[in-house]
């Protein structure tokens, strides 16, 4: 090493510093805020010429990029001209009977949808003891309304149409699920709820053991 020319060490140090310089610049570019857009070599459709939510557009007279639904638009596959099926309401009252055929397939579908959308609050057995309800009670913030037990006299007395309407529009803390759950799936949930209620012949008595 003593025989090396004196210029070798400075050169080696310079090369080492220059080799590390790109890494330093890359790290700085990633960490330091910039007012201009960063270099984006691979786009992957990340930058597209499109309008974002609530954006303005000079193309339309009202200046809105988001367009309202065309009047009279009907969802593909939607049922029309059958208020009993689509609303559960005919004339001035809720319908009492199911407007769809109740079979094993419908009940299985109803249980599946119930477990997804209803059980978090109502519980798998329908006593209002779902995990969301338990958590809200534990927080004790004073704003939670305990879901009604499906076996209470009031719940048992609800006609099929009103159960359907409750799922569609919500009640108290329960949100409306009309946008998330299709018409037939809502009736499937009603069928499952009524099957649960029929599984408990004695009203007003805690029959959880029978279901568990």
Protein backbone atom coordinates (compact mmCIF):
# COMPACT_ATOMS: atom_id res chain seq x y z
CA UNK A 1 0.00 0.00 0.00
CA UNK A 2 2.95 2.34 0.71
CA UNK A 3 4.06 2.00 -2.90
CA UNK A 4 0.77 3.32 -4.28
CA UNK A 5 0.92 6.70 -5.95
CA UNK A 6 -0.27 9.57 -3.81
CA UNK A 7 -3.13 10.36 -6.18
CA UNK A 8 -4.82 6.90 -5.77
CA UNK A 9 -6.38 7.55 -2.38
CA UNK A 10 -8.01 10.87 -3.34
CA UNK A 11 -9.28 9.27 -6.53
CA UNK A 12 -10.75 6.29 -4.65
CA UNK A 13 -12.42 8.64 -2.17
CA UNK A 14 -13.83 10.75 -4.99
CA UNK A 15 -15.22 7.69 -6.78
CA UNK A 16 -16.84 6.44 -3.54
CA UNK A 17 -18.50 9.81 -2.91
CA UNK A 18 -19.75 10.02 -6.50
CA UNK A 19 -21.12 6.47 -6.27
CA UNK A 20 -23.10 7.37 -3.14
CA UNK A 21 -24.32 10.68 -4.51
CA UNK A 22 -27.21 9.20 -6.58
CA UNK A 23 -28.53 7.38 -3.51
CA UNK A 24 -28.40 10.60 -1.51
CA UNK A 25 -30.25 12.50 -4.23
CA UNK A 26 -32.89 9.78 -4.52
CA UNK A 27 -33.45 9.79 -0.77
CA UNK A 28 -33.72 13.57 -0.74
CA UNK A 29 -36.20 13.52 -3.62
CA UNK A 30 -38.40 11.06 -1.73
CA UNK A 31 -38.34 12.84 1.62
CA UNK A 32 -38.23 16.57 0.85
CA UNK A 33 -41.58 18.20 -0.08
CA UNK A 34 -41.73 19.72 -3.56
CA UNK A 35 -44.08 22.19 -5.20
CA UNK A 36 -43.73 20.56 -8.63
CA UNK A 37 -44.88 17.03 -9.54
CA UNK A 38 -42.39 14.26 -9.01
CA UNK A 39 -40.94 12.31 -11.91
CA UNK A 40 -43.28 9.41 -12.68
CA UNK A 41 -41.61 7.10 -15.18
CA UNK A 42 -44.13 4.22 -15.08
CA UNK A 43 -47.63 5.67 -15.29
CA UNK A 44 -49.73 2.50 -14.90
CA UNK A 45 -52.79 4.60 -15.76
CA UNK A 46 -52.17 6.67 -12.61
CA UNK A 47 -52.53 9.97 -14.44
CA UNK A 48 -55.68 10.06 -16.55
CA UNK A 49 -57.54 12.94 -18.19
CA UNK A 50 -60.71 12.68 -16.13
CA UNK A 51 -62.92 14.68 -13.78
CA UNK A 52 -62.87 13.97 -10.08
CA UNK A 53 -65.90 13.94 -7.74
CA UNK A 54 -67.72 17.29 -7.47
CA UNK A 55 -65.49 18.74 -10.21
CA UNK A 56 -66.59 21.59 -12.46
CA UNK A 57 -66.92 21.29 -16.22
CA UNK A 58 -67.60 24.00 -18.80
CA UNK A 59 -69.09 21.38 -21.12
CA UNK A 60 -72.52 21.44 -19.42
CA UNK A 61 -74.81 24.38 -18.77
CA UNK A 62 -74.94 23.81 -15.03
CA UNK A 63 -71.16 23.64 -14.83
CA UNK A 64 -71.11 20.20 -13.16
CA UNK A 65 -69.03 17.28 -14.37
CA UNK A 66 -71.16 14.80 -12.39
CA UNK A 67 -74.42 14.25 -14.23
CA UNK A 68 -77.72 13.50 -12.48
CA UNK A 69 -79.62 10.35 -13.50
CA UNK A 70 -81.85 10.73 -16.50
CA UNK A 71 -85.48 11.08 -15.44
CA UNK A 72 -87.29 7.77 -15.69
CA UNK A 73 -84.11 5.68 -15.65
CA UNK A 74 -84.74 2.10 -14.58
CA UNK A 75 -81.98 -0.11 -13.22
CA UNK A 76 -81.14 -3.13 -15.38
CA UNK A 77 -83.15 -6.08 -14.12
CA UNK A 78 -85.28 -3.91 -11.86
CA UNK A 79 -88.93 -4.78 -11.26
CA UNK A 80 -91.43 -2.06 -12.18
CA UNK A 81 -95.18 -1.68 -11.69
CA UNK A 82 -95.26 -4.08 -8.73
CA UNK A 83 -95.37 -1.99 -5.52
CA UNK A 84 -95.99 -5.04 -3.34
CA UNK A 85 -92.67 -6.50 -4.44
CA UNK A 86 -90.59 -3.32 -4.63
CA UNK A 87 -91.94 -1.43 -1.59
CA UNK A 88 -93.85 -3.93 0.57
CA UNK A 89 -96.68 -1.41 0.60
CA UNK A 90 -100.01 -1.55 -1.26
CA UNK A 91 -102.69 1.08 -0.93
CA UNK A 92 -102.45 2.39 2.61
CA UNK A 93 -100.98 -0.61 4.41
CA UNK A 94 -98.07 -3.00 4.58
CA UNK A 95 -98.58 -6.33 2.91
CA UNK A 96 -98.95 -9.27 5.29
CA UNK A 97 -97.67 -12.11 3.12
CA UNK A 98 -94.51 -12.65 1.14
CA UNK A 99 -94.81 -11.61 -2.52
CA UNK A 100 -92.18 -14.17 -3.53
CA UNK A 101 -92.11 -17.95 -3.29
CA UNK A 102 -90.40 -19.09 -0.10
CA UNK A 103 -88.28 -22.19 -0.54
CA UNK A 104 -85.02 -23.59 0.78
CA UNK A 105 -82.97 -21.65 -1.75
CA UNK A 106 -84.53 -18.34 -0.68
CA UNK A 107 -84.04 -19.14 3.00
CA UNK A 108 -80.39 -20.02 2.47
CA UNK A 109 -79.86 -16.79 0.57
CA UNK A 110 -81.66 -14.86 3.29
CA UNK A 111 -79.48 -16.33 6.00
CA UNK A 112 -76.33 -15.49 4.04
CA UNK A 113 -77.42 -11.85 3.50
CA UNK A 114 -78.61 -11.56 7.11
CA UNK A 115 -75.23 -12.74 8.40
CA UNK A 116 -73.48 -10.12 6.26
CA UNK A 117 -75.68 -7.04 6.73
CA UNK A 118 -77.78 -7.62 9.85
CA UNK A 119 -75.80 -9.83 12.21
CA UNK A 120 -73.14 -7.20 13.06
CA UNK A 121 -75.80 -5.37 15.09
CA UNK A 122 -78.64 -7.87 15.56
CA UNK A 123 -76.43 -10.90 16.16
CA UNK A 124 -76.51 -14.17 14.25
CA UNK A 125 -79.50 -15.33 16.30
CA UNK A 126 -81.35 -11.99 16.16
CA UNK A 127 -81.27 -10.94 19.82
CA UNK A 128 -79.63 -7.57 19.20
CA UNK A 129 -76.33 -8.76 20.63
CA UNK A 130 -74.07 -8.45 17.60
CA UNK A 131 -70.43 -7.35 17.93
CA UNK A 132 -71.15 -3.78 16.82
CA UNK A 133 -73.92 -3.44 19.41
CA UNK A 134 -71.73 -4.91 22.16
CA UNK A 135 -68.91 -2.53 21.29
CA UNK A 136 -71.24 0.48 21.28
CA UNK A 137 -72.63 -0.52 24.69
CA UNK A 138 -69.10 -0.93 26.05
CA UNK A 139 -68.17 2.58 24.89
CA UNK A 140 -71.22 3.92 26.78
CA UNK A 141 -71.30 7.18 24.79
CA UNK A 142 -75.04 7.54 25.31
CA UNK A 143 -75.94 7.75 21.61
CA UNK A 144 -76.45 4.06 20.83
CA UNK A 145 -79.91 2.57 20.50
CA UNK A 146 -79.84 -1.15 21.23
CA UNK A 147 -81.22 -3.12 18.24
CA UNK A 148 -84.60 -4.69 18.91
CA UNK A 149 -84.72 -8.41 19.52
CA UNK A 150 -86.42 -10.14 16.61
CA UNK A 151 -88.34 -12.21 19.17
CA UNK A 152 -89.90 -9.31 21.04
CA UNK A 153 -93.69 -9.02 20.67
CA UNK A 154 -93.32 -5.78 18.71
CA UNK A 155 -90.95 -7.37 16.21
CA UNK A 156 -93.10 -10.47 15.85
CA UNK A 157 -96.15 -8.35 15.07
CA UNK A 158 -94.53 -6.58 12.12
CA UNK A 159 -96.00 -7.67 8.77
CA UNK A 160 -93.68 -8.89 6.05
CA UNK A 161 -93.99 -5.63 4.13
CA UNK A 162 -92.91 -3.55 7.12
CA UNK A 163 -89.87 -5.74 7.70
CA UNK A 164 -89.00 -5.21 4.05
CA UNK A 165 -89.54 -1.46 4.39
CA UNK A 166 -87.32 -1.32 7.47
CA UNK A 167 -84.49 -3.02 5.61
CA UNK A 168 -85.01 -0.68 2.68
CA UNK A 169 -85.24 2.66 4.50
CA UNK A 170 -83.75 1.95 7.94
CA UNK A 171 -85.07 2.90 11.38
CA UNK A 172 -83.47 4.69 14.35
CA UNK A 173 -79.72 3.91 14.24
CA UNK A 174 -80.18 1.29 11.53
CA UNK A 175 -79.19 2.72 8.13
CA UNK A 176 -81.06 2.16 4.90
CA UNK A 177 -79.89 -0.87 2.95
CA UNK A 178 -82.01 -0.37 -0.13
CA UNK A 179 -78.99 0.70 -2.17
CA UNK A 180 -76.80 -2.21 -1.05
CA UNK A 181 -79.26 -5.09 -1.06
CA UNK A 182 -81.38 -5.98 -4.06
CA UNK A 183 -85.16 -6.38 -3.88
CA UNK A 184 -85.17 -10.18 -3.92
CA UNK A 185 -82.36 -10.37 -1.39
CA UNK A 186 -84.33 -8.10 0.95
CA UNK A 187 -87.28 -10.45 0.74
CA UNK A 188 -84.91 -13.35 1.34
CA UNK A 189 -83.79 -11.64 4.57
CA UNK A 190 -87.44 -11.16 5.57
CA UNK A 191 -88.05 -14.86 5.01
CA UNK A 192 -85.05 -15.73 7.17
CA UNK A 193 -86.19 -13.37 9.95
CA UNK A 194 -89.65 -14.90 9.95
CA UNK A 195 -88.08 -18.38 10.04
CA UNK A 196 -86.06 -17.34 13.09
CA UNK A 197 -89.19 -16.01 14.77
CA UNK A 198 -91.10 -19.21 14.07
CA UNK A 199 -88.24 -21.20 15.58
CA UNK A 200 -89.08 -19.60 18.93
CA UNK A 201 -92.69 -20.52 19.78
CA UNK A 202 -92.78 -18.65 23.10
CA UNK A 203 -92.82 -14.87 22.88
CA UNK A 204 -91.24 -12.76 25.60
CA UNK A 205 -88.95 -15.55 26.88
CA UNK A 206 -85.22 -15.71 26.27
CA UNK A 207 -84.81 -18.82 24.14
CA UNK A 208 -81.17 -18.39 23.12
CA UNK A 209 -80.27 -21.90 24.19
CA UNK A 210 -82.68 -23.32 21.64
CA UNK A 211 -80.88 -21.55 18.81
CA UNK A 212 -77.36 -22.17 20.09
